[in-house]
Each structure stands twice: as structure tokens, then as C-alpha cells.
Amino acid sequence: MASRAPLHDVSIAGDMIRLGQFLQLAGLVDTGGEAKEVIADGLVTVNGEVDVRRGRQLHEGDVVELGGRAARVSD
């Protein structure tokens, strides 16, 4: 059985946040440019599936993974 990435909750201000913004907020990337690159390269998963849309809307409970690190959207 594969081990899952350690998960941490990241609070957002509203009902949703876009994937590129969340990657920065969660500390998974340092810049918006880096977020754009890792998303376009197919390195980011949302709820276990690769998503290449930087503007993907995330809501409470969504789990984003990148490079063995994971963050869950919380309110």
C-alpha cells in the first residue's frame, strides 16, 4: 500500500479559492509563476486527479497534492 502525503488544513477567507492561489497560500509553491508551471506540467492533483486548470475553483474539503506534500481547503 502506498503511503499518503502528510495532510495539513489551510483556511481560506471565502467559499472558494482558485488552484494557483491555493498553491501559494498553502506554501506548496513560492510564486504565481511557479504555480502556473507545476500545474501546466501536470504535477498537481486535486482530490487524487491531475488538474491542469490554474483557475480551477477549490472548495472546503478539496485536497491538493504536489511533490509529496498535501493540503486540504478548510474554512
N, C-alpha and C. Protein backbone atom coordinates (compact mmCIF):
# COMPACT_ATOMS: atom_id res chain seq x y z
N MET A 1 0.84 -1.19 0.00
CA MET A 1 0.00 0.00 0.00
C MET A 1 0.88 1.24 0.00
N ALA A 2 0.59 2.18 -0.88
CA ALA A 2 1.37 3.41 -0.98
C ALA A 2 1.03 4.33 0.19
N SER A 3 2.06 4.99 0.73
CA SER A 3 1.79 5.92 1.82
C SER A 3 1.30 7.25 1.25
N ARG A 4 0.39 7.86 1.96
CA ARG A 4 -0.17 9.13 1.51
C ARG A 4 0.68 10.27 2.05
N ALA A 5 0.63 11.38 1.34
CA ALA A 5 1.36 12.57 1.76
C ALA A 5 0.77 13.08 3.06
N PRO A 6 1.60 13.62 3.97
CA PRO A 6 1.07 14.25 5.18
C PRO A 6 0.12 15.38 4.77
N LEU A 7 -1.00 15.48 5.45
CA LEU A 7 -2.03 16.44 5.06
C LEU A 7 -2.12 17.56 6.10
N HIS A 8 -2.17 18.81 5.63
CA HIS A 8 -2.43 19.90 6.56
C HIS A 8 -3.58 20.75 6.03
N ASP A 9 -4.37 21.28 6.96
CA ASP A 9 -5.52 22.11 6.60
C ASP A 9 -5.08 23.55 6.41
N VAL A 10 -5.60 24.19 5.36
CA VAL A 10 -5.29 25.58 5.06
C VAL A 10 -6.61 26.35 4.98
N SER A 11 -6.77 27.33 5.85
CA SER A 11 -8.01 28.11 5.89
C SER A 11 -8.03 29.14 4.77
N ILE A 12 -9.22 29.28 4.16
CA ILE A 12 -9.41 30.31 3.13
C ILE A 12 -10.44 31.30 3.63
N ALA A 13 -10.44 32.50 3.06
CA ALA A 13 -11.31 33.58 3.53
C ALA A 13 -12.76 33.44 3.06
N GLY A 14 -12.98 32.97 1.84
CA GLY A 14 -14.34 32.91 1.31
C GLY A 14 -14.81 31.49 1.12
N ASP A 15 -15.75 31.30 0.17
CA ASP A 15 -16.29 29.98 -0.11
C ASP A 15 -15.42 29.18 -1.06
N MET A 16 -14.59 29.88 -1.84
CA MET A 16 -13.74 29.18 -2.80
C MET A 16 -12.45 29.95 -3.01
N ILE A 17 -11.48 29.23 -3.60
CA ILE A 17 -10.19 29.81 -3.97
C ILE A 17 -9.74 29.11 -5.24
N ARG A 18 -9.00 29.81 -6.08
CA ARG A 18 -8.50 29.20 -7.31
C ARG A 18 -7.23 28.39 -7.01
N LEU A 19 -7.03 27.35 -7.80
CA LEU A 19 -5.93 26.42 -7.58
C LEU A 19 -4.58 27.11 -7.50
N GLY A 20 -4.28 28.00 -8.43
CA GLY A 20 -2.99 28.69 -8.41
C GLY A 20 -2.78 29.49 -7.13
N GLN A 21 -3.83 30.16 -6.68
CA GLN A 21 -3.75 30.94 -5.43
C GLN A 21 -3.56 30.03 -4.23
N PHE A 22 -4.27 28.91 -4.24
CA PHE A 22 -4.20 28.00 -3.10
C PHE A 22 -2.81 27.38 -2.96
N LEU A 23 -2.18 27.06 -4.08
CA LEU A 23 -0.83 26.50 -4.00
C LEU A 23 0.11 27.45 -3.27
N GLN A 24 -0.02 28.75 -3.55
CA GLN A 24 0.82 29.74 -2.85
C GLN A 24 0.42 29.85 -1.39
N LEU A 25 -0.88 29.97 -1.11
CA LEU A 25 -1.36 30.11 0.27
C LEU A 25 -0.92 28.94 1.14
N ALA A 26 -0.97 27.75 0.56
CA ALA A 26 -0.61 26.54 1.30
C ALA A 26 0.90 26.36 1.43
N GLY A 27 1.68 27.20 0.75
CA GLY A 27 3.13 27.09 0.82
C GLY A 27 3.69 25.96 -0.03
N LEU A 28 2.89 25.47 -0.98
CA LEU A 28 3.37 24.39 -1.85
C LEU A 28 4.24 24.93 -2.97
N VAL A 29 4.08 26.22 -3.31
CA VAL A 29 4.94 26.93 -4.26
C VAL A 29 5.22 28.31 -3.70
N ASP A 30 6.26 28.97 -4.22
CA ASP A 30 6.62 30.29 -3.73
C ASP A 30 5.99 31.44 -4.52
N THR A 31 5.76 31.21 -5.81
CA THR A 31 5.27 32.31 -6.66
C THR A 31 4.13 31.85 -7.56
N GLY A 32 3.41 32.82 -8.10
CA GLY A 32 2.36 32.52 -9.06
C GLY A 32 2.93 31.89 -10.32
N GLY A 33 4.11 32.32 -10.73
CA GLY A 33 4.76 31.74 -11.91
C GLY A 33 5.09 30.28 -11.70
N GLU A 34 5.56 29.96 -10.51
CA GLU A 34 5.87 28.57 -10.19
C GLU A 34 4.59 27.74 -10.18
N ALA A 35 3.51 28.31 -9.64
CA ALA A 35 2.21 27.62 -9.62
C ALA A 35 1.77 27.31 -11.05
N LYS A 36 1.88 28.30 -11.92
CA LYS A 36 1.48 28.13 -13.32
C LYS A 36 2.26 26.98 -13.96
N GLU A 37 3.56 26.92 -13.70
CA GLU A 37 4.42 25.87 -14.28
C GLU A 37 4.06 24.48 -13.80
N VAL A 38 3.96 24.31 -12.48
CA VAL A 38 3.70 22.96 -11.96
C VAL A 38 2.31 22.47 -12.35
N ILE A 39 1.35 23.38 -12.45
CA ILE A 39 0.00 22.99 -12.89
C ILE A 39 0.05 22.58 -14.36
N ALA A 40 0.65 23.41 -15.21
CA ALA A 40 0.74 23.12 -16.65
C ALA A 40 1.50 21.83 -16.92
N ASP A 41 2.48 21.51 -16.08
CA ASP A 41 3.28 20.30 -16.25
C ASP A 41 2.58 19.04 -15.73
N GLY A 42 1.37 19.20 -15.18
CA GLY A 42 0.60 18.05 -14.70
C GLY A 42 1.12 17.46 -13.40
N LEU A 43 1.77 18.29 -12.59
CA LEU A 43 2.36 17.81 -11.33
C LEU A 43 1.43 17.97 -10.14
N VAL A 44 0.27 18.60 -10.33
CA VAL A 44 -0.66 18.88 -9.23
C VAL A 44 -1.89 17.99 -9.35
N THR A 45 -2.28 17.40 -8.23
CA THR A 45 -3.54 16.65 -8.22
C THR A 45 -4.53 17.35 -7.30
N VAL A 46 -5.80 17.27 -7.68
CA VAL A 46 -6.90 17.77 -6.85
C VAL A 46 -7.81 16.57 -6.61
N ASN A 47 -7.97 16.23 -5.35
CA ASN A 47 -8.79 15.07 -4.98
C ASN A 47 -8.36 13.81 -5.73
N GLY A 48 -7.03 13.66 -5.88
CA GLY A 48 -6.47 12.45 -6.47
C GLY A 48 -6.38 12.43 -7.98
N GLU A 49 -6.83 13.49 -8.66
CA GLU A 49 -6.78 13.52 -10.12
C GLU A 49 -5.96 14.72 -10.59
N VAL A 50 -5.12 14.51 -11.61
CA VAL A 50 -4.32 15.60 -12.18
C VAL A 50 -5.27 16.67 -12.72
N ASP A 51 -4.98 17.93 -12.42
CA ASP A 51 -5.77 19.04 -12.95
C ASP A 51 -4.81 20.09 -13.49
N VAL A 52 -4.99 20.50 -14.74
CA VAL A 52 -4.09 21.46 -15.37
C VAL A 52 -4.74 22.83 -15.52
N ARG A 53 -5.82 23.07 -14.78
CA ARG A 53 -6.51 24.36 -14.85
C ARG A 53 -6.11 25.22 -13.64
N ARG A 54 -5.32 26.24 -13.89
CA ARG A 54 -4.86 27.12 -12.81
C ARG A 54 -6.04 27.81 -12.13
N GLY A 55 -7.11 28.07 -12.89
CA GLY A 55 -8.28 28.74 -12.36
C GLY A 55 -9.32 27.80 -11.75
N ARG A 56 -8.99 26.52 -11.62
CA ARG A 56 -9.91 25.55 -11.02
C ARG A 56 -10.37 26.08 -9.66
N GLN A 57 -11.67 26.06 -9.45
CA GLN A 57 -12.21 26.54 -8.18
C GLN A 57 -12.16 25.41 -7.15
N LEU A 58 -11.56 25.72 -6.01
CA LEU A 58 -11.49 24.76 -4.91
C LEU A 58 -12.44 25.19 -3.81
N HIS A 59 -13.01 24.20 -3.15
CA HIS A 59 -13.96 24.46 -2.07
C HIS A 59 -13.55 23.65 -0.85
N GLU A 60 -14.18 23.94 0.28
CA GLU A 60 -13.86 23.25 1.53
C GLU A 60 -13.84 21.74 1.33
N GLY A 61 -12.78 21.10 1.82
CA GLY A 61 -12.65 19.66 1.74
C GLY A 61 -11.81 19.17 0.57
N ASP A 62 -11.58 20.02 -0.45
CA ASP A 62 -10.74 19.62 -1.58
C ASP A 62 -9.31 19.42 -1.10
N VAL A 63 -8.65 18.40 -1.63
CA VAL A 63 -7.27 18.09 -1.26
C VAL A 63 -6.37 18.27 -2.48
N VAL A 64 -5.33 19.08 -2.29
CA VAL A 64 -4.36 19.37 -3.36
C VAL A 64 -3.03 18.75 -2.97
N GLU A 65 -2.40 18.04 -3.93
CA GLU A 65 -1.10 17.42 -3.67
C GLU A 65 -0.09 17.86 -4.71
N LEU A 66 1.13 18.06 -4.25
CA LEU A 66 2.25 18.41 -5.11
C LEU A 66 3.54 17.94 -4.47
N GLY A 67 4.30 17.15 -5.19
CA GLY A 67 5.62 16.74 -4.73
C GLY A 67 5.65 16.08 -3.37
N GLY A 68 4.69 15.23 -3.10
CA GLY A 68 4.67 14.52 -1.82
C GLY A 68 4.13 15.32 -0.65
N ARG A 69 3.61 16.51 -0.93
CA ARG A 69 3.01 17.34 0.12
C ARG A 69 1.54 17.57 -0.24
N ALA A 70 0.69 17.61 0.78
CA ALA A 70 -0.75 17.75 0.53
C ALA A 70 -1.35 18.78 1.47
N ALA A 71 -2.36 19.50 0.95
CA ALA A 71 -3.07 20.49 1.74
C ALA A 71 -4.56 20.38 1.44
N ARG A 72 -5.38 20.53 2.49
CA ARG A 72 -6.82 20.48 2.34
C ARG A 72 -7.41 21.85 2.58
N VAL A 73 -8.35 22.24 1.72
CA VAL A 73 -9.05 23.53 1.86
C VAL A 73 -9.97 23.43 3.06
N SER A 74 -9.85 24.41 3.97
CA SER A 74 -10.76 24.46 5.12
C SER A 74 -11.24 25.90 5.30
N ASP A 75 -12.31 26.05 6.08
CA ASP A 75 -12.83 27.41 6.28
C ASP A 75 -12.37 27.99 7.59
